[in-house]
Amino acid sequence: MVNILSSRILLRPTDLERSRAFYRDGLGLAIYREFGTGAERGTVFFLGGGFLEVSGTSATPPAPGVELMVQVPDALEARRELEERGVTVLRPPLREPWGMIEMWICDPDGVRICVAEMPEDHPVRSRPSL
């Protein structure tokens, strides 16, 4: 096994500043660190147990199969906060057959983001008696 010390998702957006503003102001991610200067400044955001780096640019958006998932304690509250920040909700929070409550949004380049809540009654949250 490779000894992995850290990890991050790298996004190369078509418009760096627009995407940086979306993840910072729209999604409300906290900044872990920034590097470089001026218009080419890269930003690394905290993303739960990992990091999301938005840096550089690309002539084309990320591949259509690239999706992010973020877990929140309350999907309805997350929806309210995101809409207040101007983020468009593609699909409101719905309970899926597998028990998760999922809402979908996307970033400025169309990267789909699942905002998920694990409800109290989800089997993963139960602890069998010993």
C-alpha atoms as a PDB file:
ATOM      1  CA  MET A   1       0.000   0.000   0.000  1.00  0.00           C
ATOM      2  CA  VAL A   2       1.235   3.462  -0.861  1.00  0.00           C
ATOM      3  CA  ASN A   3       1.689   5.582   2.254  1.00  0.00           C
ATOM      4  CA  ILE A   4      -0.707   8.455   1.497  1.00  0.00           C
ATOM      5  CA  LEU A   5      -0.175  11.430   3.793  1.00  0.00           C
ATOM      6  CA  SER A   6      -2.758  13.814   2.382  1.00  0.00           C
ATOM      7  CA  SER A   7      -5.079  14.164  -0.594  1.00  0.00           C
ATOM      8  CA  ARG A   8      -6.979  16.777  -2.521  1.00  0.00           C
ATOM      9  CA  ILE A   9      -9.200  17.138  -5.530  1.00  0.00           C
ATOM     10  CA  LEU A  10      -7.770  19.405  -8.238  1.00  0.00           C
ATOM     11  CA  LEU A  11     -10.127  21.507 -10.356  1.00  0.00           C
ATOM     12  CA  ARG A  12      -8.898  23.515 -13.339  1.00  0.00           C
ATOM     13  CA  PRO A  13     -11.846  25.835 -14.068  1.00  0.00           C
ATOM     14  CA  THR A  14     -12.527  27.803 -17.237  1.00  0.00           C
ATOM     15  CA  ASP A  15     -12.717  31.024 -15.169  1.00  0.00           C
ATOM     16  CA  LEU A  16     -10.523  30.837 -12.075  1.00  0.00           C
ATOM     17  CA  GLU A  17     -11.878  33.861 -10.208  1.00  0.00           C
ATOM     18  CA  ARG A  18     -15.519  32.919 -10.865  1.00  0.00           C
ATOM     19  CA  SER A  19     -14.965  29.395  -9.532  1.00  0.00           C
ATOM     20  CA  ARG A  20     -12.911  30.600  -6.584  1.00  0.00           C
ATOM     21  CA  ALA A  21     -15.775  32.978  -5.665  1.00  0.00           C
ATOM     22  CA  PHE A  22     -18.341  30.165  -6.017  1.00  0.00           C
ATOM     23  CA  TYR A  23     -16.524  27.783  -3.659  1.00  0.00           C
ATOM     24  CA  ARG A  24     -15.589  30.554  -1.202  1.00  0.00           C
ATOM     25  CA  ASP A  25     -18.752  32.686  -1.176  1.00  0.00           C
ATOM     26  CA  GLY A  26     -21.457  30.473  -2.690  1.00  0.00           C
ATOM     27  CA  LEU A  27     -20.643  27.128  -1.111  1.00  0.00           C
ATOM     28  CA  GLY A  28     -18.995  28.817   1.870  1.00  0.00           C
ATOM     29  CA  LEU A  29     -15.884  26.642   2.025  1.00  0.00           C
ATOM     30  CA  ALA A  30     -13.141  27.821   4.366  1.00  0.00           C
ATOM     31  CA  ILE A  31      -9.741  28.525   2.841  1.00  0.00           C
ATOM     32  CA  TYR A  32      -6.913  26.215   3.895  1.00  0.00           C
ATOM     33  CA  ARG A  33      -4.247  28.133   1.983  1.00  0.00           C
ATOM     34  CA  GLU A  34      -3.591  30.269  -1.061  1.00  0.00           C
ATOM     35  CA  PHE A  35      -0.517  30.277  -3.260  1.00  0.00           C
ATOM     36  CA  GLY A  36       0.829  32.307  -6.151  1.00  0.00           C
ATOM     37  CA  THR A  37      -0.010  35.904  -6.917  1.00  0.00           C
ATOM     38  CA  GLY A  38      -2.434  37.968  -8.941  1.00  0.00           C
ATOM     39  CA  ALA A  39      -4.963  36.456 -11.304  1.00  0.00           C
ATOM     40  CA  GLU A  40      -3.215  33.061 -11.221  1.00  0.00           C
ATOM     41  CA  ARG A  41      -3.488  32.716  -7.427  1.00  0.00           C
ATOM     42  CA  GLY A  42      -4.532  29.186  -6.464  1.00  0.00           C
ATOM     43  CA  THR A  43      -6.797  28.437  -3.516  1.00  0.00           C
ATOM     44  CA  VAL A  44      -7.039  25.256  -1.475  1.00  0.00           C
ATOM     45  CA  PHE A  45     -10.301  24.869   0.434  1.00  0.00           C
ATOM     46  CA  PHE A  46     -11.148  22.618   3.356  1.00  0.00           C
ATOM     47  CA  LEU A  47     -13.540  19.937   2.106  1.00  0.00           C
ATOM     48  CA  GLY A  48     -14.537  17.917   5.152  1.00  0.00           C
ATOM     49  CA  GLY A  49     -11.885  15.205   5.484  1.00  0.00           C
ATOM     50  CA  GLY A  50      -9.982  16.398   2.411  1.00  0.00           C
ATOM     51  CA  PHE A  51      -9.145  19.435   0.347  1.00  0.00           C
ATOM     52  CA  LEU A  52     -10.324  21.022  -2.895  1.00  0.00           C
ATOM     53  CA  GLU A  53      -7.741  22.955  -4.896  1.00  0.00           C
ATOM     54  CA  VAL A  54      -9.058  25.444  -7.451  1.00  0.00           C
ATOM     55  CA  SER A  55      -6.123  26.684  -9.498  1.00  0.00           C
ATOM     56  CA  GLY A  56      -4.959  27.250 -13.032  1.00  0.00           C
ATOM     57  CA  THR A  57      -7.366  27.336 -15.929  1.00  0.00           C
ATOM     58  CA  SER A  58      -8.608  25.032 -18.641  1.00  0.00           C
ATOM     59  CA  ALA A  59     -10.073  25.757 -22.060  1.00  0.00           C
ATOM     60  CA  THR A  60     -12.809  23.220 -21.343  1.00  0.00           C
ATOM     61  CA  PRO A  61     -14.812  22.406 -18.198  1.00  0.00           C
ATOM     62  CA  PRO A  62     -13.928  19.306 -16.170  1.00  0.00           C
ATOM     63  CA  ALA A  63     -15.133  15.984 -17.567  1.00  0.00           C
ATOM     64  CA  PRO A  64     -18.905  15.417 -17.277  1.00  0.00           C
ATOM     65  CA  GLY A  65     -18.384  12.469 -14.924  1.00  0.00           C
ATOM     66  CA  VAL A  66     -16.596  14.561 -12.281  1.00  0.00           C
ATOM     67  CA  GLU A  67     -18.881  15.079  -9.282  1.00  0.00           C
ATOM     68  CA  LEU A  68     -18.287  16.124  -5.695  1.00  0.00           C
ATOM     69  CA  MET A  69     -20.176  15.026  -2.599  1.00  0.00           C
ATOM     70  CA  VAL A  70     -20.254  16.982   0.619  1.00  0.00           C
ATOM     71  CA  GLN A  71     -22.024  15.801   3.749  1.00  0.00           C
ATOM     72  CA  VAL A  72     -23.932  18.291   5.885  1.00  0.00           C
ATOM     73  CA  PRO A  73     -25.839  17.860   9.153  1.00  0.00           C
ATOM     74  CA  ASP A  74     -29.081  19.335   7.728  1.00  0.00           C
ATOM     75  CA  ALA A  75     -29.840  19.412   3.982  1.00  0.00           C
ATOM     76  CA  LEU A  76     -32.852  21.716   4.353  1.00  0.00           C
ATOM     77  CA  GLU A  77     -30.784  24.267   6.271  1.00  0.00           C
ATOM     78  CA  ALA A  78     -27.997  23.917   3.693  1.00  0.00           C
ATOM     79  CA  ARG A  79     -30.526  24.621   0.928  1.00  0.00           C
ATOM     80  CA  ARG A  80     -31.697  27.773   2.688  1.00  0.00           C
ATOM     81  CA  GLU A  81     -28.133  29.027   3.179  1.00  0.00           C
ATOM     82  CA  LEU A  82     -27.063  28.214  -0.376  1.00  0.00           C
ATOM     83  CA  GLU A  83     -30.087  29.930  -1.919  1.00  0.00           C
ATOM     84  CA  GLU A  84     -29.444  33.008   0.259  1.00  0.00           C
ATOM     85  CA  ARG A  85     -25.946  33.107  -1.248  1.00  0.00           C
ATOM     86  CA  GLY A  86     -27.350  32.916  -4.779  1.00  0.00           C
ATOM     87  CA  VAL A  87     -26.511  29.272  -5.485  1.00  0.00           C
ATOM     88  CA  THR A  88     -29.017  27.569  -7.792  1.00  0.00           C
ATOM     89  CA  VAL A  89     -30.386  24.289  -6.462  1.00  0.00           C
ATOM     90  CA  LEU A  90     -30.732  21.828  -9.332  1.00  0.00           C
ATOM     91  CA  ARG A  91     -32.713  19.363  -7.251  1.00  0.00           C
ATOM     92  CA  PRO A  92     -34.104  19.956  -3.758  1.00  0.00           C
ATOM     93  CA  PRO A  93     -33.301  17.617  -0.864  1.00  0.00           C
ATOM     94  CA  LEU A  94     -34.999  14.247  -1.335  1.00  0.00           C
ATOM     95  CA  ARG A  95     -34.666  11.007   0.580  1.00  0.00           C
ATOM     96  CA  GLU A  96     -33.148   8.382  -1.691  1.00  0.00           C
ATOM     97  CA  PRO A  97     -33.994   4.644  -1.624  1.00  0.00           C
ATOM     98  CA  TRP A  98     -30.607   4.018   0.073  1.00  0.00           C
ATOM     99  CA  GLY A  99     -31.622   6.285   2.966  1.00  0.00           C
ATOM    100  CA  MET A 100     -29.528   9.399   2.327  1.00  0.00           C
ATOM    101  CA  ILE A 101     -31.117  12.803   1.815  1.00  0.00           C
ATOM    102  CA  GLU A 102     -29.499  14.327  -1.264  1.00  0.00           C
ATOM    103  CA  MET A 103     -29.680  17.743  -2.907  1.00  0.00           C
ATOM    104  CA  TRP A 104     -27.843  18.681  -6.104  1.00  0.00           C
ATOM    105  CA  ILE A 105     -26.179  21.940  -7.107  1.00  0.00           C
ATOM    106  CA  CYS A 106     -23.397  22.676  -9.600  1.00  0.00           C
ATOM    107  CA  ASP A 107     -20.408  24.962  -9.843  1.00  0.00           C
ATOM    108  CA  PRO A 108     -19.987  27.582 -12.598  1.00  0.00           C
ATOM    109  CA  ASP A 109     -18.406  25.000 -14.950  1.00  0.00           C
ATOM    110  CA  GLY A 110     -21.225  22.504 -14.434  1.00  0.00           C
ATOM    111  CA  VAL A 111     -19.422  20.235 -11.939  1.00  0.00           C
ATOM    112  CA  ARG A 112     -22.300  18.579 -10.121  1.00  0.00           C
ATOM    113  CA  ILE A 113     -22.169  18.672  -6.317  1.00  0.00           C
ATOM    114  CA  CYS A 114     -24.258  16.382  -4.134  1.00  0.00           C
ATOM    115  CA  VAL A 115     -25.070  17.930  -0.775  1.00  0.00           C
ATOM    116  CA  ALA A 116     -25.975  14.944   1.383  1.00  0.00           C
ATOM    117  CA  GLU A 117     -27.407  14.399   4.852  1.00  0.00           C
ATOM    118  CA  MET A 118     -27.307  11.111   6.714  1.00  0.00           C
ATOM    119  CA  PRO A 119     -30.564  11.060   8.701  1.00  0.00           C
ATOM    120  CA  GLU A 120     -30.686   9.896  12.299  1.00  0.00           C
ATOM    121  CA  ASP A 121     -32.511   6.685  11.304  1.00  0.00           C
ATOM    122  CA  HIS A 122     -29.977   5.696   8.612  1.00  0.00           C
ATOM    123  CA  PRO A 123     -28.566   2.170   9.250  1.00  0.00           C
ATOM    124  CA  VAL A 124     -24.984   3.440   9.162  1.00  0.00           C
ATOM    125  CA  ARG A 125     -25.736   5.547  12.257  1.00  0.00           C
ATOM    126  CA  SER A 126     -27.092   2.653  14.309  1.00  0.00           C
ATOM    127  CA  ARG A 127     -24.872   0.756  16.693  1.00  0.00           C
ATOM    128  CA  PRO A 128     -25.843  -2.821  17.295  1.00  0.00           C
ATOM    129  CA  SER A 129     -25.908  -3.721  20.956  1.00  0.00           C
ATOM    130  CA  LEU A 130     -22.848  -5.546  22.146  1.00  0.00           C
END
